[in-house]
N, C-alpha and C. Protein backbone atom coordinates (compact mmCIF):
# COMPACT_ATOMS: atom_id res chain seq x y z
N MET A 1 2.40 0.30 13.47
CA MET A 1 3.67 -0.13 12.88
C MET A 1 3.77 0.28 11.41
N THR A 2 2.68 0.04 10.68
CA THR A 2 2.68 0.37 9.25
C THR A 2 2.81 1.87 9.02
N ILE A 3 2.06 2.65 9.79
CA ILE A 3 2.10 4.10 9.64
C ILE A 3 3.48 4.64 9.96
N THR A 4 4.06 4.20 11.08
CA THR A 4 5.37 4.69 11.50
C THR A 4 6.44 4.37 10.47
N TYR A 5 6.47 3.11 10.01
CA TYR A 5 7.49 2.72 9.06
C TYR A 5 7.36 3.48 7.75
N ASN A 6 6.12 3.63 7.27
CA ASN A 6 5.93 4.29 5.98
C ASN A 6 6.23 5.78 6.01
N VAL A 7 6.02 6.42 7.16
CA VAL A 7 6.40 7.83 7.28
C VAL A 7 7.91 7.97 7.14
N ILE A 8 8.65 7.10 7.84
CA ILE A 8 10.12 7.12 7.74
C ILE A 8 10.56 6.81 6.32
N GLU A 9 9.94 5.80 5.72
CA GLU A 9 10.28 5.39 4.36
C GLU A 9 10.03 6.52 3.37
N ALA A 10 8.91 7.23 3.52
CA ALA A 10 8.58 8.32 2.61
C ALA A 10 9.61 9.44 2.68
N VAL A 11 10.00 9.82 3.88
CA VAL A 11 10.98 10.90 4.05
C VAL A 11 12.31 10.52 3.40
N ILE A 12 12.79 9.30 3.66
CA ILE A 12 14.07 8.86 3.10
C ILE A 12 14.00 8.77 1.58
N ALA A 13 12.93 8.15 1.06
CA ALA A 13 12.83 7.94 -0.39
C ALA A 13 12.73 9.24 -1.15
N ILE A 14 11.89 10.15 -0.69
CA ILE A 14 11.71 11.42 -1.41
C ILE A 14 12.98 12.26 -1.33
N THR A 15 13.62 12.28 -0.17
CA THR A 15 14.87 13.04 -0.03
C THR A 15 15.96 12.48 -0.93
N ALA A 16 16.14 11.14 -0.89
CA ALA A 16 17.16 10.50 -1.73
C ALA A 16 16.83 10.66 -3.21
N GLY A 17 15.54 10.60 -3.54
CA GLY A 17 15.13 10.75 -4.94
C GLY A 17 15.48 12.12 -5.49
N HIS A 18 15.29 13.16 -4.69
CA HIS A 18 15.65 14.51 -5.13
C HIS A 18 17.17 14.65 -5.26
N MET A 19 17.90 13.99 -4.41
CA MET A 19 19.36 14.10 -4.43
C MET A 19 19.96 13.52 -5.71
N VAL A 20 19.39 12.40 -6.20
CA VAL A 20 19.96 11.73 -7.38
C VAL A 20 19.06 11.86 -8.61
N SER A 21 18.02 12.70 -8.52
CA SER A 21 17.09 12.90 -9.64
C SER A 21 16.43 11.59 -10.06
N SER A 22 16.02 10.78 -9.07
CA SER A 22 15.39 9.49 -9.35
C SER A 22 13.88 9.61 -9.22
N SER A 23 13.19 9.55 -10.35
CA SER A 23 11.73 9.60 -10.32
C SER A 23 11.16 8.35 -9.66
N ALA A 24 11.85 7.21 -9.80
CA ALA A 24 11.38 5.97 -9.19
C ALA A 24 11.41 6.08 -7.66
N LEU A 25 12.47 6.64 -7.12
CA LEU A 25 12.56 6.80 -5.67
C LEU A 25 11.51 7.77 -5.15
N ILE A 26 11.30 8.85 -5.89
CA ILE A 26 10.28 9.82 -5.47
C ILE A 26 8.90 9.18 -5.51
N ALA A 27 8.62 8.41 -6.56
CA ALA A 27 7.33 7.72 -6.66
C ALA A 27 7.18 6.72 -5.53
N PHE A 28 8.26 6.06 -5.16
CA PHE A 28 8.22 5.10 -4.05
C PHE A 28 7.88 5.81 -2.75
N GLY A 29 8.43 7.02 -2.58
CA GLY A 29 8.11 7.80 -1.39
C GLY A 29 6.66 8.24 -1.39
N LEU A 30 6.14 8.62 -2.56
CA LEU A 30 4.73 8.99 -2.65
C LEU A 30 3.82 7.80 -2.36
N ASP A 31 4.25 6.63 -2.82
CA ASP A 31 3.50 5.41 -2.50
C ASP A 31 3.43 5.20 -1.00
N SER A 32 4.52 5.49 -0.29
CA SER A 32 4.54 5.34 1.16
C SER A 32 3.51 6.27 1.82
N ILE A 33 3.38 7.48 1.27
CA ILE A 33 2.39 8.42 1.81
C ILE A 33 0.98 7.88 1.59
N VAL A 34 0.73 7.29 0.41
CA VAL A 34 -0.57 6.69 0.13
C VAL A 34 -0.85 5.55 1.11
N GLU A 35 0.17 4.75 1.42
CA GLU A 35 -0.01 3.65 2.38
C GLU A 35 -0.33 4.18 3.77
N VAL A 36 0.27 5.30 4.14
CA VAL A 36 -0.05 5.91 5.43
C VAL A 36 -1.53 6.28 5.47
N MET A 37 -2.04 6.83 4.38
CA MET A 37 -3.45 7.19 4.31
C MET A 37 -4.34 5.97 4.47
N SER A 38 -3.94 4.86 3.83
CA SER A 38 -4.73 3.63 3.92
C SER A 38 -4.73 3.08 5.33
N ALA A 39 -3.55 3.00 5.96
CA ALA A 39 -3.47 2.49 7.33
C ALA A 39 -4.20 3.41 8.30
N ALA A 40 -4.13 4.71 8.05
CA ALA A 40 -4.82 5.66 8.92
C ALA A 40 -6.34 5.47 8.84
N ALA A 41 -6.84 5.09 7.65
CA ALA A 41 -8.28 4.85 7.51
C ALA A 41 -8.73 3.68 8.38
N VAL A 42 -7.90 2.63 8.45
CA VAL A 42 -8.22 1.49 9.31
C VAL A 42 -8.13 1.88 10.77
N ALA A 43 -7.10 2.63 11.12
CA ALA A 43 -6.95 3.08 12.51
C ALA A 43 -8.14 3.96 12.92
N TRP A 44 -8.57 4.82 12.00
CA TRP A 44 -9.73 5.68 12.27
C TRP A 44 -10.98 4.85 12.50
N GLN A 45 -11.15 3.79 11.69
CA GLN A 45 -12.34 2.96 11.82
C GLN A 45 -12.44 2.35 13.21
N PHE A 46 -11.33 1.78 13.70
CA PHE A 46 -11.37 1.07 14.98
C PHE A 46 -11.18 1.99 16.18
N ALA A 47 -10.93 3.26 15.92
CA ALA A 47 -10.81 4.21 17.03
C ALA A 47 -12.17 4.65 17.54
N GLY A 48 -13.21 4.46 16.73
CA GLY A 48 -14.55 4.89 17.13
C GLY A 48 -15.27 3.84 17.96
N PRO A 49 -16.32 4.22 18.65
CA PRO A 49 -17.08 3.28 19.48
C PRO A 49 -17.87 2.27 18.66
N ASP A 50 -18.14 2.57 17.39
CA ASP A 50 -18.93 1.69 16.53
C ASP A 50 -18.20 1.47 15.20
N PRO A 51 -17.21 0.54 15.19
CA PRO A 51 -16.44 0.31 13.95
C PRO A 51 -17.31 -0.11 12.77
N GLU A 52 -18.44 -0.78 13.05
CA GLU A 52 -19.32 -1.23 11.97
C GLU A 52 -19.80 -0.06 11.12
N ALA A 53 -20.12 1.04 11.78
CA ALA A 53 -20.64 2.20 11.06
C ALA A 53 -19.58 2.84 10.18
N ARG A 54 -18.31 2.60 10.52
CA ARG A 54 -17.22 3.22 9.76
C ARG A 54 -16.60 2.30 8.71
N GLU A 55 -17.03 1.04 8.67
CA GLU A 55 -16.40 0.06 7.78
C GLU A 55 -16.47 0.49 6.31
N ARG A 56 -17.64 0.87 5.84
CA ARG A 56 -17.80 1.23 4.42
C ARG A 56 -16.99 2.46 4.06
N ILE A 57 -16.98 3.46 4.96
CA ILE A 57 -16.20 4.67 4.70
C ILE A 57 -14.72 4.33 4.64
N ALA A 58 -14.26 3.48 5.57
CA ALA A 58 -12.84 3.08 5.58
C ALA A 58 -12.47 2.37 4.28
N LEU A 59 -13.36 1.49 3.81
CA LEU A 59 -13.09 0.79 2.55
C LEU A 59 -13.00 1.77 1.38
N ARG A 60 -13.87 2.77 1.37
CA ARG A 60 -13.83 3.76 0.30
C ARG A 60 -12.53 4.56 0.35
N LEU A 61 -12.08 4.91 1.56
CA LEU A 61 -10.83 5.65 1.70
C LEU A 61 -9.64 4.80 1.22
N ILE A 62 -9.67 3.51 1.55
CA ILE A 62 -8.61 2.61 1.10
C ILE A 62 -8.65 2.48 -0.42
N ALA A 63 -9.86 2.38 -0.98
CA ALA A 63 -9.98 2.30 -2.44
C ALA A 63 -9.38 3.54 -3.10
N LEU A 64 -9.67 4.71 -2.53
CA LEU A 64 -9.10 5.94 -3.08
C LEU A 64 -7.58 5.95 -2.98
N SER A 65 -7.05 5.36 -1.90
CA SER A 65 -5.59 5.30 -1.76
C SER A 65 -4.99 4.38 -2.82
N PHE A 66 -5.70 3.27 -3.15
CA PHE A 66 -5.25 2.40 -4.23
C PHE A 66 -5.24 3.16 -5.55
N PHE A 67 -6.31 3.91 -5.82
CA PHE A 67 -6.37 4.69 -7.06
C PHE A 67 -5.26 5.73 -7.11
N GLY A 68 -5.01 6.36 -5.96
CA GLY A 68 -3.92 7.33 -5.89
C GLY A 68 -2.58 6.70 -6.18
N LEU A 69 -2.37 5.51 -5.61
CA LEU A 69 -1.12 4.79 -5.87
C LEU A 69 -0.97 4.48 -7.36
N ALA A 70 -2.06 4.00 -7.98
CA ALA A 70 -2.02 3.67 -9.40
C ALA A 70 -1.68 4.90 -10.24
N VAL A 71 -2.28 6.03 -9.88
CA VAL A 71 -2.02 7.27 -10.64
C VAL A 71 -0.57 7.72 -10.46
N PHE A 72 -0.10 7.75 -9.20
CA PHE A 72 1.28 8.18 -8.94
C PHE A 72 2.29 7.32 -9.70
N VAL A 73 2.16 6.00 -9.53
CA VAL A 73 3.12 5.09 -10.15
C VAL A 73 2.97 5.10 -11.66
N GLY A 74 1.74 5.13 -12.16
CA GLY A 74 1.52 5.12 -13.60
C GLY A 74 2.08 6.35 -14.29
N ILE A 75 1.83 7.53 -13.73
CA ILE A 75 2.35 8.76 -14.33
C ILE A 75 3.87 8.78 -14.32
N ASP A 76 4.47 8.37 -13.20
CA ASP A 76 5.93 8.35 -13.12
C ASP A 76 6.52 7.35 -14.10
N ALA A 77 5.87 6.17 -14.23
CA ALA A 77 6.37 5.16 -15.16
C ALA A 77 6.29 5.65 -16.60
N MET A 78 5.17 6.29 -16.98
CA MET A 78 5.04 6.81 -18.34
C MET A 78 6.06 7.91 -18.60
N ARG A 79 6.29 8.74 -17.61
CA ARG A 79 7.29 9.81 -17.75
C ARG A 79 8.68 9.23 -18.00
N ALA A 80 9.00 8.16 -17.27
CA ALA A 80 10.31 7.53 -17.45
C ALA A 80 10.42 6.86 -18.81
N LEU A 81 9.35 6.20 -19.24
CA LEU A 81 9.38 5.52 -20.53
C LEU A 81 9.45 6.50 -21.70
N LEU A 82 8.90 7.71 -21.50
CA LEU A 82 8.86 8.68 -22.59
C LEU A 82 10.10 9.57 -22.65
N GLY A 83 11.12 9.20 -21.87
CA GLY A 83 12.39 9.89 -22.07
C GLY A 83 12.94 10.71 -20.94
N ALA A 84 12.43 10.51 -19.71
CA ALA A 84 13.03 11.22 -18.58
C ALA A 84 14.47 10.74 -18.40
N PRO A 85 15.38 11.62 -18.00
CA PRO A 85 16.78 11.21 -17.84
C PRO A 85 16.95 10.13 -16.79
N ASP A 86 17.88 9.21 -17.04
CA ASP A 86 18.15 8.15 -16.08
C ASP A 86 18.72 8.74 -14.79
N PRO A 87 18.31 8.20 -13.65
CA PRO A 87 18.83 8.72 -12.39
C PRO A 87 20.26 8.29 -12.13
N ASP A 88 20.93 9.01 -11.24
CA ASP A 88 22.25 8.60 -10.79
C ASP A 88 22.12 7.42 -9.83
N HIS A 89 23.23 6.74 -9.58
CA HIS A 89 23.23 5.62 -8.64
C HIS A 89 22.92 6.14 -7.24
N SER A 90 22.10 5.38 -6.50
CA SER A 90 21.75 5.76 -5.14
C SER A 90 21.91 4.57 -4.21
N THR A 91 22.97 4.60 -3.41
CA THR A 91 23.18 3.54 -2.43
C THR A 91 22.06 3.55 -1.39
N ILE A 92 21.64 4.75 -1.00
CA ILE A 92 20.54 4.86 -0.02
C ILE A 92 19.27 4.22 -0.58
N GLY A 93 18.99 4.47 -1.85
CA GLY A 93 17.80 3.90 -2.47
C GLY A 93 17.84 2.38 -2.51
N VAL A 94 19.00 1.82 -2.85
CA VAL A 94 19.15 0.36 -2.90
C VAL A 94 18.93 -0.25 -1.53
N VAL A 95 19.55 0.35 -0.50
CA VAL A 95 19.39 -0.16 0.87
C VAL A 95 17.94 -0.05 1.32
N LEU A 96 17.31 1.10 1.04
CA LEU A 96 15.91 1.30 1.44
C LEU A 96 15.00 0.28 0.78
N ALA A 97 15.19 0.05 -0.51
CA ALA A 97 14.36 -0.93 -1.22
C ALA A 97 14.56 -2.33 -0.66
N ALA A 98 15.81 -2.69 -0.33
CA ALA A 98 16.10 -4.01 0.22
C ALA A 98 15.46 -4.19 1.60
N VAL A 99 15.55 -3.16 2.44
CA VAL A 99 14.96 -3.23 3.77
C VAL A 99 13.44 -3.35 3.68
N SER A 100 12.83 -2.55 2.80
CA SER A 100 11.37 -2.62 2.63
C SER A 100 10.93 -3.97 2.09
N LEU A 101 11.73 -4.54 1.20
CA LEU A 101 11.42 -5.85 0.64
C LEU A 101 11.42 -6.92 1.73
N ALA A 102 12.23 -6.73 2.76
CA ALA A 102 12.29 -7.69 3.86
C ALA A 102 11.18 -7.46 4.88
N ILE A 103 10.81 -6.20 5.11
CA ILE A 103 9.87 -5.87 6.18
C ILE A 103 8.41 -5.94 5.73
N MET A 104 8.12 -5.46 4.53
CA MET A 104 6.73 -5.33 4.10
C MET A 104 5.95 -6.64 4.03
N PRO A 105 6.55 -7.76 3.60
CA PRO A 105 5.76 -9.01 3.62
C PRO A 105 5.28 -9.38 5.03
N PHE A 106 6.13 -9.15 6.03
CA PHE A 106 5.73 -9.43 7.41
C PHE A 106 4.58 -8.54 7.85
N LEU A 107 4.68 -7.23 7.55
CA LEU A 107 3.60 -6.32 7.92
C LEU A 107 2.30 -6.68 7.22
N SER A 108 2.39 -7.05 5.94
CA SER A 108 1.20 -7.43 5.19
C SER A 108 0.56 -8.68 5.78
N TRP A 109 1.38 -9.68 6.10
CA TRP A 109 0.86 -10.91 6.69
C TRP A 109 0.19 -10.63 8.03
N PHE A 110 0.83 -9.80 8.84
CA PHE A 110 0.28 -9.48 10.16
C PHE A 110 -1.05 -8.75 10.04
N GLU A 111 -1.13 -7.80 9.11
CA GLU A 111 -2.38 -7.06 8.89
C GLU A 111 -3.48 -7.98 8.38
N ARG A 112 -3.12 -8.86 7.43
CA ARG A 112 -4.11 -9.77 6.85
C ARG A 112 -4.64 -10.74 7.91
N ARG A 113 -3.74 -11.29 8.73
CA ARG A 113 -4.16 -12.22 9.79
C ARG A 113 -5.07 -11.52 10.79
N THR A 114 -4.67 -10.31 11.18
CA THR A 114 -5.49 -9.56 12.13
C THR A 114 -6.85 -9.22 11.54
N GLY A 115 -6.85 -8.81 10.26
CA GLY A 115 -8.10 -8.47 9.60
C GLY A 115 -9.04 -9.66 9.51
N ARG A 116 -8.49 -10.85 9.22
CA ARG A 116 -9.34 -12.04 9.12
C ARG A 116 -9.86 -12.47 10.49
N GLU A 117 -9.02 -12.32 11.51
CA GLU A 117 -9.47 -12.66 12.86
C GLU A 117 -10.60 -11.74 13.31
N LEU A 118 -10.51 -10.47 12.92
CA LEU A 118 -11.56 -9.52 13.27
C LEU A 118 -12.72 -9.55 12.28
N GLY A 119 -12.50 -10.18 11.12
CA GLY A 119 -13.51 -10.15 10.07
C GLY A 119 -13.64 -8.78 9.44
N SER A 120 -12.53 -8.03 9.39
CA SER A 120 -12.57 -6.66 8.89
C SER A 120 -12.11 -6.59 7.45
N SER A 121 -13.03 -6.25 6.55
CA SER A 121 -12.67 -6.09 5.13
C SER A 121 -11.67 -4.96 4.93
N SER A 122 -11.80 -3.89 5.71
CA SER A 122 -10.89 -2.75 5.54
C SER A 122 -9.47 -3.12 5.92
N ALA A 123 -9.29 -3.91 6.99
CA ALA A 123 -7.95 -4.33 7.40
C ALA A 123 -7.32 -5.26 6.37
N VAL A 124 -8.14 -6.16 5.79
CA VAL A 124 -7.63 -7.05 4.75
C VAL A 124 -7.25 -6.24 3.50
N ALA A 125 -8.07 -5.26 3.15
CA ALA A 125 -7.76 -4.41 2.00
C ALA A 125 -6.46 -3.64 2.24
N ASP A 126 -6.27 -3.17 3.47
CA ASP A 126 -5.04 -2.44 3.78
C ASP A 126 -3.84 -3.36 3.70
N SER A 127 -4.00 -4.65 4.06
CA SER A 127 -2.88 -5.59 3.95
C SER A 127 -2.45 -5.78 2.50
N LYS A 128 -3.42 -5.68 1.57
CA LYS A 128 -3.07 -5.78 0.16
C LYS A 128 -2.33 -4.53 -0.31
N GLN A 129 -2.66 -3.40 0.28
CA GLN A 129 -1.92 -2.17 -0.01
C GLN A 129 -0.46 -2.34 0.41
N THR A 130 -0.24 -2.91 1.60
CA THR A 130 1.11 -3.15 2.08
C THR A 130 1.83 -4.17 1.21
N LEU A 131 1.11 -5.20 0.75
CA LEU A 131 1.71 -6.19 -0.12
C LEU A 131 2.16 -5.57 -1.44
N LEU A 132 1.37 -4.61 -1.94
CA LEU A 132 1.78 -3.91 -3.16
C LEU A 132 3.10 -3.17 -2.95
N CYS A 133 3.30 -2.66 -1.74
CA CYS A 133 4.57 -1.99 -1.45
C CYS A 133 5.72 -2.97 -1.54
N THR A 134 5.48 -4.24 -1.20
CA THR A 134 6.50 -5.26 -1.35
C THR A 134 6.90 -5.39 -2.81
N TYR A 135 5.89 -5.44 -3.69
CA TYR A 135 6.17 -5.54 -5.13
C TYR A 135 6.92 -4.30 -5.62
N LEU A 136 6.47 -3.14 -5.15
CA LEU A 136 7.15 -1.91 -5.56
C LEU A 136 8.59 -1.87 -5.06
N SER A 137 8.82 -2.40 -3.87
CA SER A 137 10.18 -2.46 -3.33
C SER A 137 11.06 -3.32 -4.23
N ALA A 138 10.52 -4.46 -4.67
CA ALA A 138 11.28 -5.33 -5.56
C ALA A 138 11.55 -4.65 -6.90
N VAL A 139 10.51 -3.97 -7.43
CA VAL A 139 10.66 -3.26 -8.69
C VAL A 139 11.71 -2.16 -8.57
N LEU A 140 11.63 -1.40 -7.47
CA LEU A 140 12.59 -0.33 -7.26
C LEU A 140 14.00 -0.87 -7.14
N LEU A 141 14.17 -1.95 -6.38
CA LEU A 141 15.49 -2.53 -6.19
C LEU A 141 16.08 -3.02 -7.51
N VAL A 142 15.27 -3.77 -8.26
CA VAL A 142 15.74 -4.27 -9.56
C VAL A 142 16.04 -3.11 -10.51
N GLY A 143 15.15 -2.13 -10.52
CA GLY A 143 15.35 -0.99 -11.42
C GLY A 143 16.60 -0.21 -11.10
N LEU A 144 16.85 0.06 -9.81
CA LEU A 144 18.04 0.80 -9.42
C LEU A 144 19.31 0.03 -9.74
N VAL A 145 19.28 -1.29 -9.48
CA VAL A 145 20.47 -2.11 -9.74
C VAL A 145 20.74 -2.23 -11.23
N LEU A 146 19.69 -2.50 -12.02
CA LEU A 146 19.87 -2.63 -13.46
C LEU A 146 20.30 -1.31 -14.09
N ASN A 147 19.75 -0.21 -13.58
CA ASN A 147 20.15 1.10 -14.12
C ASN A 147 21.61 1.38 -13.81
N SER A 148 22.04 1.05 -12.60
CA SER A 148 23.42 1.31 -12.21
C SER A 148 24.40 0.38 -12.91
N ALA A 149 24.02 -0.91 -13.04
CA ALA A 149 24.95 -1.90 -13.59
C ALA A 149 24.94 -1.98 -15.11
N LEU A 150 23.74 -1.89 -15.70
CA LEU A 150 23.62 -2.13 -17.14
C LEU A 150 23.05 -0.96 -17.92
N GLY A 151 22.58 0.05 -17.21
CA GLY A 151 21.99 1.19 -17.90
C GLY A 151 20.60 0.90 -18.45
N TRP A 152 19.90 -0.09 -17.89
CA TRP A 152 18.55 -0.43 -18.35
C TRP A 152 17.53 0.43 -17.63
N GLY A 153 17.40 1.65 -18.04
CA GLY A 153 16.47 2.56 -17.37
C GLY A 153 15.01 2.24 -17.62
N TRP A 154 14.70 1.41 -18.63
CA TRP A 154 13.31 1.11 -18.99
C TRP A 154 12.71 -0.01 -18.15
N ALA A 155 13.55 -0.81 -17.47
CA ALA A 155 13.06 -1.99 -16.76
C ALA A 155 12.13 -1.60 -15.61
N ASP A 156 12.53 -0.61 -14.84
CA ASP A 156 11.73 -0.20 -13.68
C ASP A 156 10.36 0.34 -14.07
N PRO A 157 10.26 1.32 -14.99
CA PRO A 157 8.94 1.85 -15.32
C PRO A 157 8.01 0.83 -15.96
N LEU A 158 8.56 -0.14 -16.70
CA LEU A 158 7.71 -1.15 -17.33
C LEU A 158 7.05 -2.02 -16.28
N ALA A 159 7.82 -2.47 -15.31
CA ALA A 159 7.25 -3.28 -14.22
C ALA A 159 6.30 -2.44 -13.36
N ALA A 160 6.65 -1.17 -13.17
CA ALA A 160 5.80 -0.29 -12.37
C ALA A 160 4.43 -0.10 -13.00
N LEU A 161 4.37 -0.08 -14.32
CA LEU A 161 3.07 0.05 -15.01
C LEU A 161 2.18 -1.16 -14.71
N ILE A 162 2.78 -2.34 -14.66
CA ILE A 162 2.01 -3.54 -14.33
C ILE A 162 1.46 -3.44 -12.91
N ILE A 163 2.30 -2.98 -11.98
CA ILE A 163 1.86 -2.84 -10.60
C ILE A 163 0.77 -1.78 -10.49
N ALA A 164 0.88 -0.72 -11.28
CA ALA A 164 -0.16 0.31 -11.27
C ALA A 164 -1.50 -0.28 -11.69
N GLY A 165 -1.48 -1.17 -12.68
CA GLY A 165 -2.71 -1.83 -13.10
C GLY A 165 -3.30 -2.70 -12.01
N VAL A 166 -2.42 -3.42 -11.29
CA VAL A 166 -2.89 -4.25 -10.18
C VAL A 166 -3.49 -3.38 -9.08
N ALA A 167 -2.84 -2.25 -8.79
CA ALA A 167 -3.34 -1.33 -7.76
C ALA A 167 -4.72 -0.80 -8.13
N ALA A 168 -4.91 -0.48 -9.41
CA ALA A 168 -6.21 0.01 -9.84
C ALA A 168 -7.30 -1.05 -9.65
N LYS A 169 -6.97 -2.32 -9.96
CA LYS A 169 -7.93 -3.40 -9.78
C LYS A 169 -8.28 -3.58 -8.30
N GLU A 170 -7.25 -3.53 -7.43
CA GLU A 170 -7.50 -3.66 -6.00
C GLU A 170 -8.37 -2.50 -5.50
N GLY A 171 -8.17 -1.33 -6.08
CA GLY A 171 -8.99 -0.19 -5.71
C GLY A 171 -10.45 -0.41 -6.06
N VAL A 172 -10.70 -0.98 -7.25
CA VAL A 172 -12.08 -1.28 -7.66
C VAL A 172 -12.69 -2.30 -6.71
N ASP A 173 -11.92 -3.34 -6.35
CA ASP A 173 -12.43 -4.37 -5.44
C ASP A 173 -12.76 -3.79 -4.07
N ALA A 174 -11.87 -2.92 -3.57
CA ALA A 174 -12.11 -2.31 -2.25
C ALA A 174 -13.34 -1.41 -2.31
N TRP A 175 -13.50 -0.68 -3.41
CA TRP A 175 -14.66 0.22 -3.54
C TRP A 175 -15.96 -0.57 -3.54
N ARG A 176 -15.92 -1.75 -4.17
CA ARG A 176 -17.11 -2.59 -4.24
C ARG A 176 -17.28 -3.48 -3.01
N GLY A 177 -16.28 -3.46 -2.10
CA GLY A 177 -16.36 -4.28 -0.90
C GLY A 177 -16.14 -5.74 -1.15
N LYS A 178 -15.26 -6.09 -2.11
CA LYS A 178 -15.06 -7.49 -2.47
C LYS A 178 -13.96 -8.17 -1.66
N HIS A 179 -13.36 -7.47 -0.71
CA HIS A 179 -12.32 -8.09 0.11
C HIS A 179 -13.01 -8.96 1.16
N CYS A 180 -12.94 -10.25 0.96
CA CYS A 180 -13.71 -11.18 1.78
C CYS A 180 -12.98 -11.53 3.06
N CYS A 181 -13.70 -11.56 4.14
CA CYS A 181 -13.13 -11.91 5.44
C CYS A 181 -14.00 -12.94 6.13
N THR A 182 -13.38 -13.86 6.85
CA THR A 182 -14.09 -14.86 7.63
C THR A 182 -13.41 -15.01 8.97
N PRO A 183 -14.13 -15.00 10.09
CA PRO A 183 -15.56 -14.79 10.20
C PRO A 183 -15.92 -13.32 10.08
N PRO A 184 -17.22 -12.98 9.90
CA PRO A 184 -17.60 -11.57 9.79
C PRO A 184 -17.33 -10.83 11.08
N LEU A 185 -16.97 -9.56 10.92
CA LEU A 185 -16.65 -8.73 12.07
C LEU A 185 -17.87 -8.53 12.96
N PHE A 186 -18.99 -8.30 12.34
CA PHE A 186 -20.19 -8.01 13.11
C PHE A 186 -21.24 -9.07 12.79
N THR A 187 -21.25 -10.14 13.57
CA THR A 187 -22.11 -11.28 13.29
C THR A 187 -23.57 -10.90 13.50
N VAL A 188 -24.41 -11.27 12.55
CA VAL A 188 -25.84 -11.02 12.67
C VAL A 188 -26.42 -12.05 13.62
N GLU A 189 -26.95 -11.62 14.72
CA GLU A 189 -27.51 -12.51 15.71
C GLU A 189 -29.03 -12.55 15.58
N SER A 190 -29.61 -13.58 16.16
CA SER A 190 -31.07 -13.63 16.20
C SER A 190 -31.57 -12.61 17.19
N SER A 191 -32.84 -12.28 17.09
CA SER A 191 -33.39 -11.26 17.97
C SER A 191 -33.32 -11.69 19.42
N GLU A 192 -33.49 -13.02 19.69
CA GLU A 192 -33.44 -13.50 21.06
C GLU A 192 -32.05 -13.35 21.66
N SER A 193 -31.01 -13.75 20.89
CA SER A 193 -29.64 -13.64 21.40
C SER A 193 -29.23 -12.19 21.56
N THR A 194 -29.71 -11.32 20.64
CA THR A 194 -29.39 -9.92 20.74
C THR A 194 -29.98 -9.32 22.01
N CYS A 195 -31.24 -9.68 22.28
CA CYS A 195 -31.88 -9.17 23.50
C CYS A 195 -31.18 -9.69 24.74
N ALA A 196 -30.76 -10.96 24.69
CA ALA A 196 -30.09 -11.55 25.85
C ALA A 196 -28.77 -10.84 26.12
N SER A 197 -28.01 -10.55 25.04
CA SER A 197 -26.73 -9.87 25.23
C SER A 197 -26.93 -8.47 25.76
N ARG A 198 -28.01 -7.80 25.33
CA ARG A 198 -28.26 -6.45 25.82
C ARG A 198 -28.63 -6.47 27.30
N ARG A 199 -29.36 -7.54 27.71
CA ARG A 199 -29.70 -7.63 29.13
C ARG A 199 -28.44 -7.85 29.97
N CYS A 200 -27.48 -8.61 29.38
CA CYS A 200 -26.21 -8.81 30.10
C CYS A 200 -25.45 -7.51 30.20
């Protein structure tokens, strides 16, 4: 669900961003691509016969996607603050941001619940990536509306810089494996229970 939605979101955002010269919309589309990479890492982990062996690699891939998001959003925000021209009004962008703001919290909650039920740190980390998209959707929506209504082109990049900092922190946590899940995905059993399960 996350991969499918974000692919559609990326295509719409980047196309609309080029049409109205909106760096915020283009950055939002790039963020969607980063989210696809993060969700794909989790899908890759559970596609194998031994997800435990892939857990650390999946977490590292998710961490890199967080860092990528921070870089994309941070560079675009600094570019906007340093004098990039204000974008034209984009009805498509406003609608896309509003729809994402409504959908992303549900996807994040679903991913987080599933990750905790499985005890998967990578799935929980990916849910935080999706939650960040919720914040970016709100930032994009507010920025587009304020730019269109009041000409406040600085509001969006300022908030985006804060989100970029949060994304960088989440990336560090994912890299260090600090996303806590209960119960653990792969419970350590005693040697007797392990042997019994193998006999079964």
